[in-house]
Amino acid sequence: MLELVGGWPGALLAQKIVRHKSRKEEFQTVFWATVILNCCAFGWLIAKTGSGFLQSLVALWT
């Protein structure tokens, strides 16, 4: 679940260094799907529409 909030670089490193869950196909499918979702979300947040959305959320909380 932590991968969903951006922990995938550490998970990838763990897979490479200690071979953690590197052979479990189901985990790999979910892992790479979360990597793609994280990259897309990051790209959207740094784009104009995403940053505007993020600013509006911050404005609601303050």
N, C-alpha and C. Protein backbone atom coordinates (compact mmCIF):
# COMPACT_ATOMS: atom_id res chain seq x y z
N MET A 1 0.82 -1.20 0.00
CA MET A 1 0.00 0.00 0.00
C MET A 1 0.86 1.26 0.00
N LEU A 2 2.04 1.20 0.61
CA LEU A 2 2.90 2.39 0.64
C LEU A 2 3.39 2.77 -0.75
N GLU A 3 3.44 1.81 -1.66
CA GLU A 3 3.83 2.14 -3.03
C GLU A 3 2.87 3.13 -3.65
N LEU A 4 1.61 3.06 -3.27
CA LEU A 4 0.61 3.95 -3.85
C LEU A 4 0.87 5.41 -3.52
N VAL A 5 1.57 5.68 -2.44
CA VAL A 5 1.85 7.06 -2.08
C VAL A 5 3.28 7.48 -2.40
N GLY A 6 3.94 6.71 -3.22
CA GLY A 6 5.25 7.14 -3.69
C GLY A 6 6.45 6.36 -3.19
N GLY A 7 6.23 5.20 -2.59
CA GLY A 7 7.35 4.43 -2.08
C GLY A 7 7.98 3.49 -3.10
N TRP A 8 7.60 3.61 -4.35
CA TRP A 8 8.08 2.67 -5.35
C TRP A 8 9.59 2.74 -5.61
N PRO A 9 10.26 3.90 -5.49
CA PRO A 9 11.71 3.86 -5.71
C PRO A 9 12.42 2.95 -4.70
N GLY A 10 12.01 2.99 -3.45
CA GLY A 10 12.59 2.13 -2.43
C GLY A 10 12.26 0.67 -2.68
N ALA A 11 11.04 0.40 -3.12
CA ALA A 11 10.65 -0.97 -3.42
C ALA A 11 11.45 -1.52 -4.60
N LEU A 12 11.69 -0.69 -5.59
CA LEU A 12 12.49 -1.11 -6.74
C LEU A 12 13.93 -1.41 -6.31
N LEU A 13 14.45 -0.56 -5.46
CA LEU A 13 15.81 -0.76 -4.95
C LEU A 13 15.89 -2.06 -4.14
N ALA A 14 14.89 -2.32 -3.32
CA ALA A 14 14.87 -3.56 -2.52
C ALA A 14 14.79 -4.78 -3.42
N GLN A 15 14.04 -4.68 -4.52
CA GLN A 15 13.95 -5.80 -5.45
C GLN A 15 15.30 -6.07 -6.10
N LYS A 16 16.02 -5.03 -6.43
CA LYS A 16 17.31 -5.20 -7.09
C LYS A 16 18.41 -5.67 -6.13
N ILE A 17 18.42 -5.12 -4.92
CA ILE A 17 19.50 -5.43 -3.98
C ILE A 17 19.29 -6.77 -3.27
N VAL A 18 18.11 -6.96 -2.70
CA VAL A 18 17.87 -8.18 -1.92
C VAL A 18 16.88 -9.13 -2.58
N ARG A 19 16.53 -8.85 -3.81
CA ARG A 19 15.61 -9.69 -4.61
C ARG A 19 14.27 -9.90 -3.91
N HIS A 20 13.79 -8.84 -3.26
CA HIS A 20 12.53 -8.89 -2.53
C HIS A 20 11.36 -8.90 -3.51
N LYS A 21 10.60 -9.98 -3.52
CA LYS A 21 9.42 -10.17 -4.36
C LYS A 21 9.71 -9.92 -5.84
N SER A 22 10.90 -10.21 -6.27
CA SER A 22 11.26 -9.94 -7.66
C SER A 22 10.76 -11.02 -8.61
N ARG A 23 10.35 -12.17 -8.09
CA ARG A 23 9.90 -13.26 -8.96
C ARG A 23 8.40 -13.51 -8.89
N LYS A 24 7.72 -12.80 -8.03
CA LYS A 24 6.27 -12.99 -7.90
C LYS A 24 5.57 -12.16 -8.98
N GLU A 25 5.02 -12.86 -9.97
CA GLU A 25 4.44 -12.18 -11.13
C GLU A 25 3.26 -11.28 -10.77
N GLU A 26 2.40 -11.73 -9.86
CA GLU A 26 1.25 -10.92 -9.47
C GLU A 26 1.71 -9.62 -8.81
N PHE A 27 2.70 -9.72 -7.94
CA PHE A 27 3.22 -8.53 -7.29
C PHE A 27 3.86 -7.59 -8.30
N GLN A 28 4.61 -8.14 -9.25
CA GLN A 28 5.26 -7.31 -10.26
C GLN A 28 4.25 -6.54 -11.10
N THR A 29 3.13 -7.19 -11.43
CA THR A 29 2.08 -6.52 -12.20
C THR A 29 1.52 -5.34 -11.43
N VAL A 30 1.19 -5.56 -10.17
CA VAL A 30 0.64 -4.49 -9.33
C VAL A 30 1.71 -3.41 -9.10
N PHE A 31 2.94 -3.83 -8.87
CA PHE A 31 4.03 -2.89 -8.63
C PHE A 31 4.20 -1.94 -9.81
N TRP A 32 4.31 -2.48 -11.02
CA TRP A 32 4.54 -1.62 -12.18
C TRP A 32 3.31 -0.77 -12.51
N ALA A 33 2.13 -1.26 -12.18
CA ALA A 33 0.93 -0.44 -12.37
C ALA A 33 0.97 0.77 -11.43
N THR A 34 1.42 0.57 -10.18
CA THR A 34 1.50 1.69 -9.25
C THR A 34 2.62 2.66 -9.65
N VAL A 35 3.71 2.13 -10.22
CA VAL A 35 4.78 3.01 -10.71
C VAL A 35 4.23 3.92 -11.81
N ILE A 36 3.51 3.35 -12.74
CA ILE A 36 2.94 4.14 -13.84
C ILE A 36 1.95 5.16 -13.31
N LEU A 37 1.08 4.74 -12.38
CA LEU A 37 0.11 5.67 -11.80
C LEU A 37 0.79 6.81 -11.05
N ASN A 38 1.85 6.50 -10.30
CA ASN A 38 2.58 7.54 -9.59
C ASN A 38 3.23 8.52 -10.54
N CYS A 39 3.83 8.03 -11.61
CA CYS A 39 4.47 8.91 -12.58
C CYS A 39 3.44 9.79 -13.29
N CYS A 40 2.32 9.20 -13.64
CA CYS A 40 1.25 9.98 -14.28
C CYS A 40 0.70 11.05 -13.33
N ALA A 41 0.48 10.68 -12.07
CA ALA A 41 -0.02 11.63 -11.09
C ALA A 41 0.97 12.76 -10.87
N PHE A 42 2.25 12.43 -10.79
CA PHE A 42 3.27 13.46 -10.62
C PHE A 42 3.31 14.39 -11.82
N GLY A 43 3.25 13.82 -13.01
CA GLY A 43 3.23 14.64 -14.22
C GLY A 43 2.03 15.56 -14.26
N TRP A 44 0.88 15.03 -13.85
CA TRP A 44 -0.33 15.86 -13.84
C TRP A 44 -0.22 16.98 -12.81
N LEU A 45 0.35 16.66 -11.64
CA LEU A 45 0.47 17.67 -10.58
C LEU A 45 1.41 18.81 -10.96
N ILE A 46 2.43 18.52 -11.75
CA ILE A 46 3.34 19.60 -12.13
C ILE A 46 2.86 20.33 -13.39
N ALA A 47 1.84 19.80 -14.04
CA ALA A 47 1.24 20.48 -15.18
C ALA A 47 0.33 21.60 -14.67
N LYS A 48 -0.06 22.46 -15.57
CA LYS A 48 -0.85 23.63 -15.18
C LYS A 48 -2.18 23.25 -14.52
N THR A 49 -2.90 22.29 -15.09
CA THR A 49 -4.20 21.93 -14.52
C THR A 49 -4.06 21.27 -13.16
N GLY A 50 -3.06 20.42 -13.02
CA GLY A 50 -2.86 19.74 -11.74
C GLY A 50 -2.43 20.69 -10.64
N SER A 51 -1.54 21.63 -10.98
CA SER A 51 -1.10 22.58 -9.96
C SER A 51 -2.23 23.51 -9.55
N GLY A 52 -3.09 23.86 -10.50
CA GLY A 52 -4.26 24.67 -10.16
C GLY A 52 -5.20 23.94 -9.23
N PHE A 53 -5.40 22.65 -9.50
CA PHE A 53 -6.23 21.82 -8.64
C PHE A 53 -5.64 21.73 -7.24
N LEU A 54 -4.33 21.52 -7.18
CA LEU A 54 -3.66 21.41 -5.90
C LEU A 54 -3.75 22.72 -5.11
N GLN A 55 -3.59 23.83 -5.79
CA GLN A 55 -3.73 25.14 -5.13
C GLN A 55 -5.13 25.36 -4.61
N SER A 56 -6.13 24.92 -5.35
CA SER A 56 -7.51 25.07 -4.88
C SER A 56 -7.76 24.21 -3.65
N LEU A 57 -7.18 23.02 -3.60
CA LEU A 57 -7.31 22.19 -2.41
C LEU A 57 -6.66 22.83 -1.20
N VAL A 58 -5.48 23.39 -1.39
CA VAL A 58 -4.77 24.06 -0.30
C VAL A 58 -5.59 25.25 0.19
N ALA A 59 -6.19 25.98 -0.73
CA ALA A 59 -7.00 27.13 -0.37
C ALA A 59 -8.22 26.72 0.47
N LEU A 60 -8.77 25.55 0.17
CA LEU A 60 -9.91 25.05 0.94
C LEU A 60 -9.51 24.72 2.39
N TRP A 61 -8.31 24.23 2.57
CA TRP A 61 -7.84 23.81 3.88
C TRP A 61 -7.36 24.98 4.73
N THR A 62 -7.07 26.11 4.11
CA THR A 62 -6.56 27.24 4.90
C THR A 62 -7.62 28.26 5.16
